[in-house]
Amino acid sequence: MTSNVESTGAVGALASGLPLVVLAGRANAGKSTLFNRIAHYRRAIVSPVPGTTRDLNAALVEHEGRKFTLVDSGGLELNERQGLTERVVAEALRAAAAADVIIFVVDGRAGLNPADQEALGLIREVGRPLMLAVNKLDVAGLRAQASEFHALGVENIFPLSAAHGTGVAELLDAAVARLPSVEESSPPPPALRVALLGRPNAGKSSLLNRLVGGPRAIVDAVPGTTRDPLDVRIKLPEGEILLIDTAGIRRPARIEGEIEHEAVRRAIETIRRAEVLLLTVDASEGLTDQDARLAHLVEREDRALILVVNKWDLAAAAGSRQAAFTRDLRERFSFLESAPLLFTSALTGDGVTRLLPAALVVGQSYRAQFQTARLNQILAAATQAMDPPVVAGRRLKLLYVTQVASSPPRLMFFSNLERDLPVHYLRFLENRFRQALDLRGTPLRLMFRRRGGARGAAVAAQTK
């Protein structure tokens, strides 16, 4: 194993632009010993006392010509009652959510422990590539014990001894092979992917042509002219947007022929490819059930949404008023409450210039990352404003909250209960966090885990 290391602050390391490898696991599994072994010196304090590592510890490492940032995190002890432990867990999850590869370290001498399964379940929820290091296998006879850890369901398992260095090179070889290249891991901020979506003939292609200032998309009065998605890059002072036009999506019963079926399939794929969807509605027809179905599809795919009421010139000429239209839409489709609503006319150009700046604002909400301290301030204010409910005879206590992912934002709450929360309180919490964080148009996922339980219960609150 050939490696060089340069020390750095943990916060800076997370934003260094190099690929990120995070060591995670329960206290006293040997994460710090493994960190020091890879870094080739005693940067992390090693002690048999569980919980010695509390803050993130980082080093810049090179292995076989590949540079990456290695981060040692605190122990994931979910059955502890001290507030400090909650903060340690939150910092570990923050690092794991940013990782390119997570190495989950377990104590091979102690054997498989239910607490390992619980901690690993928490790490899995951040959705990053995962490897399992079965540590403290210092003698040959112990290496056979690594087989029992297959029960954790991790494909990549590496028996090793961090204290003696056995197996560490093989672990690093595999970790480096899974890292992105430096160019891939440190690009400039990527263009926000924004897609136009809607029923046929709602004016999506006309809007695209207005936005790009020319006839980029073919416009025709016959519904279904656009079949292949069109990509157009647009640079604004606030950022770059990749704008995607899609085929109109009719109700399934009205889809005709193999070509239109293929166009609709591609449009649905585009929803998954985009980050922000501009759901374009024909103002002269109002929001139809098919429009609502498309909005629900955007929500199910965890994408941000803006409602674009196009052809407003025709609706206004017929006597429609924006306030009445908005009130009716919010009453009929309450799940669209947090989606920005913009009135446009692709024909006259009215309101069109507001679309892309609005998409960038919503995109910022979608990609946003928040400091744990700020989230817990909001939680404290929320619990003061409304007492948590009694669930199955026990008063709910929300002990801590941290963000475990973005795009869209996902918040993990640690509580004293394992049961699902009442819907009214979920909605209250979501509204409080939306307002305090100024989130617009993006889904906000709230997940709840009982601290110290045999398993965690996750509940998602999802509205637009």
Protein backbone atom coordinates (compact mmCIF):
# COMPACT_ATOMS: atom_id res chain seq x y z
CA MET A 1 0.00 0.00 0.00
CA THR A 2 1.48 3.35 -1.03
CA SER A 3 -0.16 6.42 0.42
CA ASN A 4 0.54 10.00 1.37
CA VAL A 5 -1.57 12.13 3.68
CA GLU A 6 -2.10 15.81 4.37
CA SER A 7 -4.10 16.94 7.39
CA THR A 8 -7.04 19.30 7.03
CA GLY A 9 -10.01 20.57 9.00
CA ALA A 10 -13.06 18.34 8.82
CA VAL A 11 -15.38 21.06 7.58
CA GLY A 12 -12.97 22.06 4.86
CA ALA A 13 -12.47 18.43 3.92
CA LEU A 14 -16.16 17.95 3.23
CA ALA A 15 -15.95 20.76 0.69
CA SER A 16 -12.45 20.04 -0.63
CA GLY A 17 -13.64 18.84 -4.04
CA LEU A 18 -11.86 15.49 -3.68
CA PRO A 19 -13.81 12.23 -3.47
CA LEU A 20 -14.96 11.51 0.08
CA VAL A 21 -14.63 8.24 2.03
CA VAL A 22 -16.35 8.17 5.42
CA LEU A 23 -15.70 5.67 8.22
CA ALA A 24 -18.92 5.02 10.13
CA GLY A 25 -20.07 2.56 12.75
CA ARG A 26 -20.73 2.07 16.42
CA ALA A 27 -18.39 3.29 19.13
CA ASN A 28 -15.26 1.22 19.79
CA ALA A 29 -15.47 -0.71 16.53
CA GLY A 30 -11.97 0.52 15.66
CA LYS A 31 -12.79 3.35 13.23
CA SER A 32 -10.11 5.64 14.63
CA THR A 33 -7.48 2.88 14.57
CA LEU A 34 -8.36 2.25 10.92
CA PHE A 35 -8.24 6.00 10.23
CA ASN A 36 -4.75 6.23 11.72
CA ARG A 37 -3.60 3.14 9.84
CA ILE A 38 -4.67 4.63 6.50
CA ALA A 39 -3.31 8.09 7.40
CA HIS A 40 0.01 6.54 8.59
CA TYR A 41 0.13 8.51 11.82
CA ARG A 42 -1.82 9.05 15.02
CA ARG A 43 -4.13 11.84 14.00
CA ALA A 44 -7.22 10.36 15.69
CA ILE A 45 -7.18 9.62 19.44
CA VAL A 46 -7.57 5.88 20.05
CA SER A 47 -9.02 4.65 23.35
CA PRO A 48 -10.92 1.61 24.60
CA VAL A 49 -13.47 4.02 26.08
CA PRO A 50 -16.54 4.09 23.77
CA GLY A 51 -17.36 7.50 22.35
CA THR A 52 -13.85 8.94 22.32
CA THR A 53 -14.35 10.33 18.80
CA ARG A 54 -17.05 13.01 18.81
CA ASP A 55 -16.22 15.51 16.08
CA LEU A 56 -15.46 14.68 12.47
CA ASN A 57 -11.78 14.02 11.88
CA ALA A 58 -10.45 14.33 8.33
CA ALA A 59 -7.26 13.76 6.35
CA LEU A 60 -6.31 14.00 2.68
CA VAL A 61 -5.07 10.57 1.59
CA GLU A 62 -3.47 9.14 -1.54
CA HIS A 63 -3.67 5.43 -2.30
CA GLU A 64 -2.13 3.95 -5.46
CA GLY A 65 -2.16 7.36 -7.13
CA ARG A 66 -5.75 8.27 -6.18
CA LYS A 67 -6.32 11.18 -3.81
CA PHE A 68 -9.38 11.33 -1.59
CA THR A 69 -10.57 12.75 1.71
CA LEU A 70 -10.93 10.28 4.56
CA VAL A 71 -13.28 11.19 7.42
CA ASP A 72 -13.55 9.45 10.79
CA SER A 73 -16.96 9.96 12.41
CA GLY A 74 -18.28 9.50 15.93
CA GLY A 75 -19.97 6.34 17.14
CA LEU A 76 -23.58 5.67 16.13
CA GLU A 77 -24.88 4.80 19.60
CA LEU A 78 -28.64 5.15 19.24
CA ASN A 79 -29.57 3.92 22.72
CA GLU A 80 -27.77 6.67 24.59
CA ARG A 81 -29.72 9.39 26.36
CA GLN A 82 -27.25 12.28 26.39
CA GLY A 83 -27.79 15.24 24.09
CA LEU A 84 -24.09 15.11 23.17
CA THR A 85 -24.58 11.64 21.67
CA GLU A 86 -27.42 13.00 19.52
CA ARG A 87 -25.08 15.65 18.11
CA VAL A 88 -22.38 13.06 17.43
CA VAL A 89 -24.89 10.92 15.50
CA ALA A 90 -26.07 13.95 13.54
CA GLU A 91 -22.53 14.87 12.51
CA ALA A 92 -21.84 11.28 11.45
CA LEU A 93 -24.99 11.24 9.30
CA ARG A 94 -24.07 14.59 7.74
CA ALA A 95 -20.69 13.21 6.70
CA ALA A 96 -22.24 9.95 5.43
CA ALA A 97 -24.77 11.83 3.30
CA ALA A 98 -21.91 13.65 1.53
CA ALA A 99 -19.76 10.54 1.04
CA ASP A 100 -18.80 8.92 -2.25
CA VAL A 101 -18.15 5.69 -0.34
CA ILE A 102 -19.08 4.75 3.24
CA ILE A 103 -17.00 2.13 5.05
CA PHE A 104 -19.12 0.77 7.89
CA VAL A 105 -16.81 -0.69 10.57
CA VAL A 106 -17.89 -3.47 12.94
CA ASP A 107 -16.11 -5.30 15.75
CA GLY A 108 -15.43 -8.80 14.41
CA ARG A 109 -14.30 -10.14 17.78
CA ALA A 110 -17.59 -9.14 19.44
CA GLY A 111 -19.64 -10.73 16.68
CA LEU A 112 -22.88 -9.57 15.08
CA ASN A 113 -24.86 -7.28 17.37
CA PRO A 114 -28.46 -6.01 16.92
CA ALA A 115 -27.12 -2.52 17.59
CA ASP A 116 -24.91 -2.88 14.49
CA GLN A 117 -28.01 -3.68 12.44
CA GLU A 118 -29.80 -0.61 13.78
CA ALA A 119 -26.84 1.70 13.14
CA LEU A 120 -26.35 0.26 9.65
CA GLY A 121 -30.03 0.79 8.91
CA LEU A 122 -29.60 4.47 9.72
CA ILE A 123 -26.57 4.73 7.44
CA ARG A 124 -28.40 2.94 4.61
CA GLU A 125 -31.07 5.64 4.63
CA VAL A 126 -28.63 8.22 3.24
CA GLY A 127 -28.40 6.13 0.05
CA ARG A 128 -24.62 6.22 -0.54
CA PRO A 129 -22.36 3.33 -1.77
CA LEU A 130 -21.57 1.08 1.18
CA MET A 131 -18.74 -1.30 2.17
CA LEU A 132 -18.42 -3.36 5.36
CA ALA A 133 -15.11 -3.66 7.26
CA VAL A 134 -15.09 -6.46 9.85
CA ASN A 135 -12.33 -5.23 12.14
CA LYS A 136 -10.26 -6.66 15.03
CA LEU A 137 -9.69 -10.04 13.35
CA ASP A 138 -6.12 -10.12 14.65
CA VAL A 139 -5.50 -13.87 14.37
CA ALA A 140 -6.17 -16.24 11.50
CA GLY A 141 -8.80 -18.25 13.36
CA LEU A 142 -10.97 -15.19 13.89
CA ARG A 143 -11.31 -14.39 10.18
CA ALA A 144 -13.91 -17.14 9.82
CA GLN A 145 -16.16 -15.06 12.09
CA ALA A 146 -16.56 -12.47 9.34
CA SER A 147 -19.01 -14.78 7.57
CA GLU A 148 -21.77 -14.12 10.11
CA PHE A 149 -21.82 -10.46 9.05
CA HIS A 150 -23.28 -11.46 5.68
CA ALA A 151 -26.59 -11.32 7.56
CA LEU A 152 -26.32 -7.51 7.40
CA GLY A 153 -26.98 -7.70 3.65
CA VAL A 154 -23.89 -5.74 2.53
CA GLU A 155 -22.36 -7.14 -0.65
CA ASN A 156 -18.80 -5.88 -0.13
CA ILE A 157 -17.38 -7.36 3.12
CA PHE A 158 -13.68 -7.04 4.06
CA PRO A 159 -12.20 -8.86 7.09
CA LEU A 160 -9.22 -6.96 8.51
CA SER A 161 -7.18 -5.91 11.48
CA ALA A 162 -6.65 -2.17 11.61
CA ALA A 163 -4.20 -2.61 14.51
CA HIS A 164 -1.91 -4.89 12.47
CA GLY A 165 -2.72 -3.61 9.00
CA THR A 166 -3.97 -6.96 7.75
CA GLY A 167 -6.54 -6.62 4.98
CA VAL A 168 -6.42 -2.80 4.92
CA ALA A 169 -4.79 -2.62 1.48
CA GLU A 170 -7.52 -4.80 -0.02
CA LEU A 171 -10.16 -2.56 1.57
CA LEU A 172 -8.55 0.57 0.11
CA ASP A 173 -8.16 -1.00 -3.33
CA ALA A 174 -11.89 -1.69 -3.41
CA ALA A 175 -12.83 1.73 -2.02
CA VAL A 176 -10.66 3.59 -4.55
CA ALA A 177 -12.15 1.55 -7.40
CA ARG A 178 -15.60 2.88 -6.47
CA LEU A 179 -14.60 6.54 -6.29
CA PRO A 180 -15.45 9.02 -9.04
CA SER A 181 -12.59 10.70 -10.85
CA VAL A 182 -11.41 14.06 -9.55
CA GLU A 183 -12.97 15.71 -12.58
CA GLU A 184 -16.30 14.03 -11.85
CA SER A 185 -16.20 14.79 -8.14
CA SER A 186 -15.29 18.48 -8.32
CA PRO A 187 -17.17 20.01 -11.25
CA PRO A 188 -18.54 23.54 -11.26
CA PRO A 189 -22.09 23.75 -9.90
CA PRO A 190 -24.17 21.68 -12.35
CA ALA A 191 -26.85 23.24 -14.46
CA LEU A 192 -30.29 23.02 -12.86
CA ARG A 193 -32.35 20.53 -14.86
CA VAL A 194 -35.76 22.07 -15.58
CA ALA A 195 -38.40 20.29 -17.67
CA LEU A 196 -41.63 21.54 -19.22
CA LEU A 197 -44.46 19.09 -18.55
CA GLY A 198 -48.14 19.02 -19.36
CA ARG A 199 -50.98 17.84 -21.54
CA PRO A 200 -50.77 18.16 -25.33
CA ASN A 201 -51.27 21.64 -26.73
CA ALA A 202 -50.89 23.40 -23.37
CA GLY A 203 -48.24 25.63 -24.94
CA LYS A 204 -45.02 24.03 -23.65
CA SER A 205 -43.10 24.34 -26.91
CA SER A 206 -44.28 27.92 -27.41
CA LEU A 207 -43.02 28.72 -23.92
CA LEU A 208 -39.67 27.11 -24.71
CA ASN A 209 -39.32 29.21 -27.86
CA ARG A 210 -40.12 32.37 -25.86
CA LEU A 211 -37.58 31.44 -23.21
CA VAL A 212 -34.75 30.78 -25.65
CA GLY A 213 -35.66 33.65 -27.94
CA GLY A 214 -36.20 31.67 -31.12
CA PRO A 215 -37.92 28.72 -32.79
CA ARG A 216 -36.00 25.94 -31.03
CA ALA A 217 -39.07 23.67 -30.80
CA ILE A 218 -41.57 23.02 -33.59
CA VAL A 219 -44.94 24.58 -32.71
CA ASP A 220 -48.16 23.36 -34.30
CA ALA A 221 -51.83 23.57 -33.37
CA VAL A 222 -52.14 19.77 -33.70
CA PRO A 223 -51.69 18.15 -30.25
CA GLY A 224 -48.67 15.88 -29.95
CA THR A 225 -46.21 17.69 -32.25
CA THR A 226 -43.33 17.24 -29.77
CA ARG A 227 -42.22 13.62 -29.36
CA ASP A 228 -38.52 13.64 -28.53
CA PRO A 229 -37.34 15.63 -25.49
CA LEU A 230 -35.40 18.76 -26.45
CA ASP A 231 -32.50 20.05 -24.31
CA VAL A 232 -31.52 23.72 -24.35
CA ARG A 233 -28.84 25.29 -22.14
CA ILE A 234 -29.63 28.78 -20.88
CA LYS A 235 -27.16 30.93 -18.93
CA LEU A 236 -28.55 33.50 -16.52
CA PRO A 237 -26.68 35.81 -14.13
CA GLU A 238 -27.99 33.68 -11.24
CA GLY A 239 -26.96 30.33 -12.73
CA GLU A 240 -27.23 27.91 -15.64
CA ILE A 241 -30.33 25.95 -16.59
CA LEU A 242 -30.74 22.89 -18.78
CA LEU A 243 -34.28 23.36 -20.15
CA ILE A 244 -36.06 20.25 -21.41
CA ASP A 245 -39.24 20.16 -23.49
CA THR A 246 -41.32 16.98 -23.44
CA ALA A 247 -44.18 15.42 -25.31
CA GLY A 248 -47.67 16.15 -24.03
CA ILE A 249 -49.10 13.43 -21.81
CA ARG A 250 -52.76 12.55 -22.31
CA ARG A 251 -54.89 10.26 -20.19
CA PRO A 252 -53.88 6.60 -20.77
CA ALA A 253 -57.25 5.80 -22.38
CA ARG A 254 -56.62 8.46 -25.02
CA ILE A 255 -53.05 7.50 -25.91
CA GLU A 256 -53.00 6.36 -29.52
CA GLY A 257 -50.45 4.22 -31.31
CA GLU A 258 -46.99 2.94 -30.54
CA ILE A 259 -45.26 6.26 -31.32
CA GLU A 260 -47.30 8.20 -28.78
CA HIS A 261 -46.83 5.49 -26.16
CA GLU A 262 -43.07 5.81 -26.67
CA ALA A 263 -43.27 9.62 -26.43
CA VAL A 264 -45.17 9.38 -23.15
CA ARG A 265 -42.67 6.86 -21.78
CA ARG A 266 -39.83 9.26 -22.59
CA ALA A 267 -41.70 12.14 -20.97
CA ILE A 268 -42.03 10.14 -17.74
CA GLU A 269 -38.32 9.35 -17.91
CA THR A 270 -37.69 13.08 -18.25
CA ILE A 271 -39.53 13.70 -14.96
CA ARG A 272 -37.02 11.39 -13.30
CA ARG A 273 -34.15 13.14 -15.06
CA ALA A 274 -35.26 16.67 -14.14
CA GLU A 275 -35.04 18.43 -10.78
CA VAL A 276 -37.71 21.09 -11.29
CA LEU A 277 -40.85 20.50 -13.36
CA LEU A 278 -42.81 23.37 -14.95
CA LEU A 279 -46.29 21.84 -15.10
CA THR A 280 -47.95 23.83 -17.87
CA VAL A 281 -51.73 24.19 -17.64
CA ASP A 282 -54.09 25.56 -20.31
CA ALA A 283 -55.76 28.50 -18.54
CA SER A 284 -58.80 28.34 -20.82
CA GLU A 285 -59.50 24.82 -19.55
CA GLY A 286 -58.32 25.17 -15.96
CA LEU A 287 -56.56 22.48 -13.95
CA THR A 288 -57.92 19.15 -15.17
CA ASP A 289 -57.80 15.73 -13.51
CA GLN A 290 -54.99 14.78 -15.89
CA ASP A 291 -52.98 17.83 -14.78
CA ALA A 292 -53.49 16.72 -11.18
CA ARG A 293 -52.34 13.20 -12.08
CA LEU A 294 -49.16 14.62 -13.58
CA ALA A 295 -48.58 16.71 -10.44
CA HIS A 296 -48.97 13.58 -8.30
CA LEU A 297 -46.47 11.79 -10.56
CA VAL A 298 -43.94 14.60 -10.01
CA GLU A 299 -44.49 14.27 -6.26
CA ARG A 300 -44.03 10.50 -6.29
CA GLU A 301 -40.73 10.92 -8.15
CA ASP A 302 -39.46 13.36 -5.47
CA ARG A 303 -39.17 16.31 -7.85
CA ALA A 304 -39.86 20.02 -7.35
CA LEU A 305 -42.85 21.65 -9.04
CA ILE A 306 -43.96 25.02 -10.41
CA LEU A 307 -47.48 25.47 -11.82
CA VAL A 308 -47.48 27.50 -15.03
CA VAL A 309 -50.94 28.72 -16.04
CA ASN A 310 -50.39 29.43 -19.74
CA LYS A 311 -52.68 31.10 -22.31
CA TRP A 312 -53.82 33.51 -19.62
CA ASP A 313 -54.50 36.12 -22.29
CA LEU A 314 -57.40 33.97 -23.53
CA ALA A 315 -58.72 33.30 -20.02
CA ALA A 316 -58.53 36.98 -19.06
CA ALA A 317 -60.39 37.96 -22.19
CA ALA A 318 -63.14 35.55 -21.11
CA GLY A 319 -63.43 37.28 -17.73
CA SER A 320 -61.24 35.06 -15.53
CA ARG A 321 -59.41 36.64 -12.59
CA GLN A 322 -56.09 35.41 -11.21
CA ALA A 323 -57.19 35.64 -7.56
CA ALA A 324 -60.31 33.56 -8.17
CA PHE A 325 -58.37 31.04 -10.29
CA THR A 326 -55.74 30.66 -7.57
CA ARG A 327 -58.31 30.27 -4.79
CA ASP A 328 -60.24 27.62 -6.73
CA LEU A 329 -57.06 25.69 -7.57
CA ARG A 330 -55.79 25.67 -3.97
CA GLU A 331 -59.19 24.53 -2.67
CA ARG A 332 -59.58 21.70 -5.18
CA PHE A 333 -55.97 20.51 -5.09
CA SER A 334 -54.66 21.21 -1.59
CA PHE A 335 -51.54 19.07 -2.16
CA LEU A 336 -50.34 21.77 -4.56
CA GLU A 337 -50.42 24.41 -1.83
CA SER A 338 -46.67 25.02 -1.69
CA ALA A 339 -46.08 24.99 -5.47
CA PRO A 340 -45.45 28.48 -6.90
CA LEU A 341 -48.17 29.57 -9.34
CA LEU A 342 -47.22 31.72 -12.35
CA PHE A 343 -49.56 33.13 -15.02
CA THR A 344 -48.13 33.40 -18.54
CA SER A 345 -48.95 33.87 -22.17
CA ALA A 346 -46.49 32.32 -24.59
CA LEU A 347 -48.31 34.17 -27.38
CA THR A 348 -47.83 37.69 -25.95
CA GLY A 349 -44.81 36.96 -23.73
CA ASP A 350 -46.54 38.17 -20.56
CA GLY A 351 -45.09 36.58 -17.43
CA VAL A 352 -42.65 34.37 -19.33
CA THR A 353 -39.52 36.14 -18.05
CA ARG A 354 -40.40 35.15 -14.48
CA LEU A 355 -40.28 31.40 -15.17
CA LEU A 356 -36.55 30.70 -15.14
CA PRO A 357 -35.71 32.91 -12.11
CA ALA A 358 -38.53 31.14 -10.26
CA ALA A 359 -37.11 27.76 -11.30
CA LEU A 360 -33.71 28.73 -9.88
CA VAL A 361 -35.28 29.73 -6.56
CA VAL A 362 -37.17 26.43 -6.37
CA GLY A 363 -34.00 24.59 -7.40
CA GLN A 364 -32.14 26.16 -4.49
CA SER A 365 -34.82 24.85 -2.14
CA TYR A 366 -34.60 21.42 -3.76
CA ARG A 367 -30.81 21.21 -3.36
CA ALA A 368 -30.62 23.04 -0.02
CA GLN A 369 -28.51 21.89 2.91
CA PHE A 370 -29.07 23.22 6.41
CA GLN A 371 -26.99 23.40 9.57
CA THR A 372 -28.08 21.03 12.31
CA ALA A 373 -28.13 23.81 14.89
CA ARG A 374 -30.60 25.81 12.80
CA LEU A 375 -32.89 22.81 12.35
CA ASN A 376 -32.98 22.19 16.08
CA GLN A 377 -33.82 25.83 16.77
CA ILE A 378 -36.83 25.45 14.47
CA LEU A 379 -37.79 22.21 16.20
CA ALA A 380 -37.64 23.86 19.63
CA ALA A 381 -39.86 26.72 18.45
CA ALA A 382 -42.32 24.27 16.88
CA THR A 383 -42.69 22.15 20.03
CA GLN A 384 -43.24 25.31 22.07
CA ALA A 385 -45.90 26.52 19.65
CA MET A 386 -47.77 23.18 19.75
CA ASP A 387 -47.28 20.42 22.28
CA PRO A 388 -46.41 17.09 20.63
CA PRO A 389 -49.43 14.74 20.73
CA VAL A 390 -50.05 11.74 22.95
CA VAL A 391 -49.66 8.56 20.88
CA ALA A 392 -50.88 5.21 22.25
CA GLY A 393 -50.92 6.64 25.75
CA ARG A 394 -47.43 8.18 25.63
CA ARG A 395 -46.44 11.78 25.03
CA LEU A 396 -44.30 12.14 21.92
CA LYS A 397 -40.89 13.70 22.55
CA LEU A 398 -38.92 14.99 19.57
CA LEU A 399 -35.35 14.94 20.82
CA TYR A 400 -33.25 15.99 17.86
CA VAL A 401 -33.37 16.61 14.11
CA THR A 402 -30.71 16.54 11.42
CA GLN A 403 -30.66 16.64 7.61
CA VAL A 404 -29.60 13.31 6.10
CA ALA A 405 -29.97 14.14 2.38
CA SER A 406 -30.91 16.82 -0.13
CA SER A 407 -32.59 16.84 -3.57
CA PRO A 408 -35.13 16.91 -2.01
CA PRO A 409 -34.34 17.79 1.61
CA ARG A 410 -34.78 14.88 4.04
CA LEU A 411 -34.88 15.50 7.78
CA MET A 412 -34.40 12.74 10.36
CA PHE A 413 -36.10 13.26 13.74
CA PHE A 414 -35.06 11.23 16.78
CA SER A 415 -38.00 10.58 19.11
CA ASN A 416 -39.06 8.43 22.04
CA LEU A 417 -41.75 6.55 20.06
CA GLU A 418 -41.77 4.04 17.25
CA ARG A 419 -45.37 4.48 16.09
CA ASP A 420 -46.56 6.59 13.17
CA LEU A 421 -47.30 10.18 14.08
CA PRO A 422 -50.77 11.71 13.69
CA VAL A 423 -51.22 13.26 10.26
CA HIS A 424 -52.20 16.66 11.67
CA TYR A 425 -48.94 16.92 13.61
CA LEU A 426 -46.87 15.83 10.62
CA ARG A 427 -48.52 18.58 8.58
CA PHE A 428 -47.87 21.10 11.37
CA LEU A 429 -44.18 20.19 11.54
CA GLU A 430 -43.78 20.31 7.78
CA ASN A 431 -45.41 23.73 7.54
CA ARG A 432 -43.21 25.10 10.34
CA PHE A 433 -40.02 23.86 8.72
CA ARG A 434 -41.12 25.01 5.25
CA GLN A 435 -41.80 28.53 6.50
CA ALA A 436 -38.67 28.79 8.62
CA LEU A 437 -36.39 27.43 5.87
CA ASP A 438 -38.21 29.33 3.10
CA LEU A 439 -38.68 26.16 1.02
CA ARG A 440 -40.59 26.73 -2.21
CA GLY A 441 -41.98 24.11 -4.53
CA THR A 442 -39.80 21.27 -3.27
CA PRO A 443 -40.88 18.10 -1.49
CA LEU A 444 -39.81 17.97 2.15
CA ARG A 445 -39.41 14.48 3.57
CA LEU A 446 -39.72 14.03 7.32
CA MET A 447 -38.49 10.74 8.79
CA PHE A 448 -38.77 9.61 12.39
CA ARG A 449 -36.63 7.13 14.26
CA ARG A 450 -37.04 5.99 17.83
CA ARG A 451 -33.80 6.46 19.74
CA GLY A 452 -32.53 3.23 21.23
CA GLY A 453 -35.20 0.95 19.76
CA ALA A 454 -34.63 -2.42 18.16
CA ARG A 455 -35.71 -0.92 14.89
CA GLY A 456 -36.53 2.50 13.51
CA ALA A 457 -39.83 3.64 12.10
CA ALA A 458 -39.71 6.09 9.21
CA VAL A 459 -42.68 8.24 8.27
CA ALA A 460 -42.67 10.54 5.23
CA ALA A 461 -44.71 13.71 5.06
CA GLN A 462 -44.95 14.74 1.42
CA THR A 463 -46.85 17.71 0.06
CA LYS A 464 -46.39 20.31 -2.57
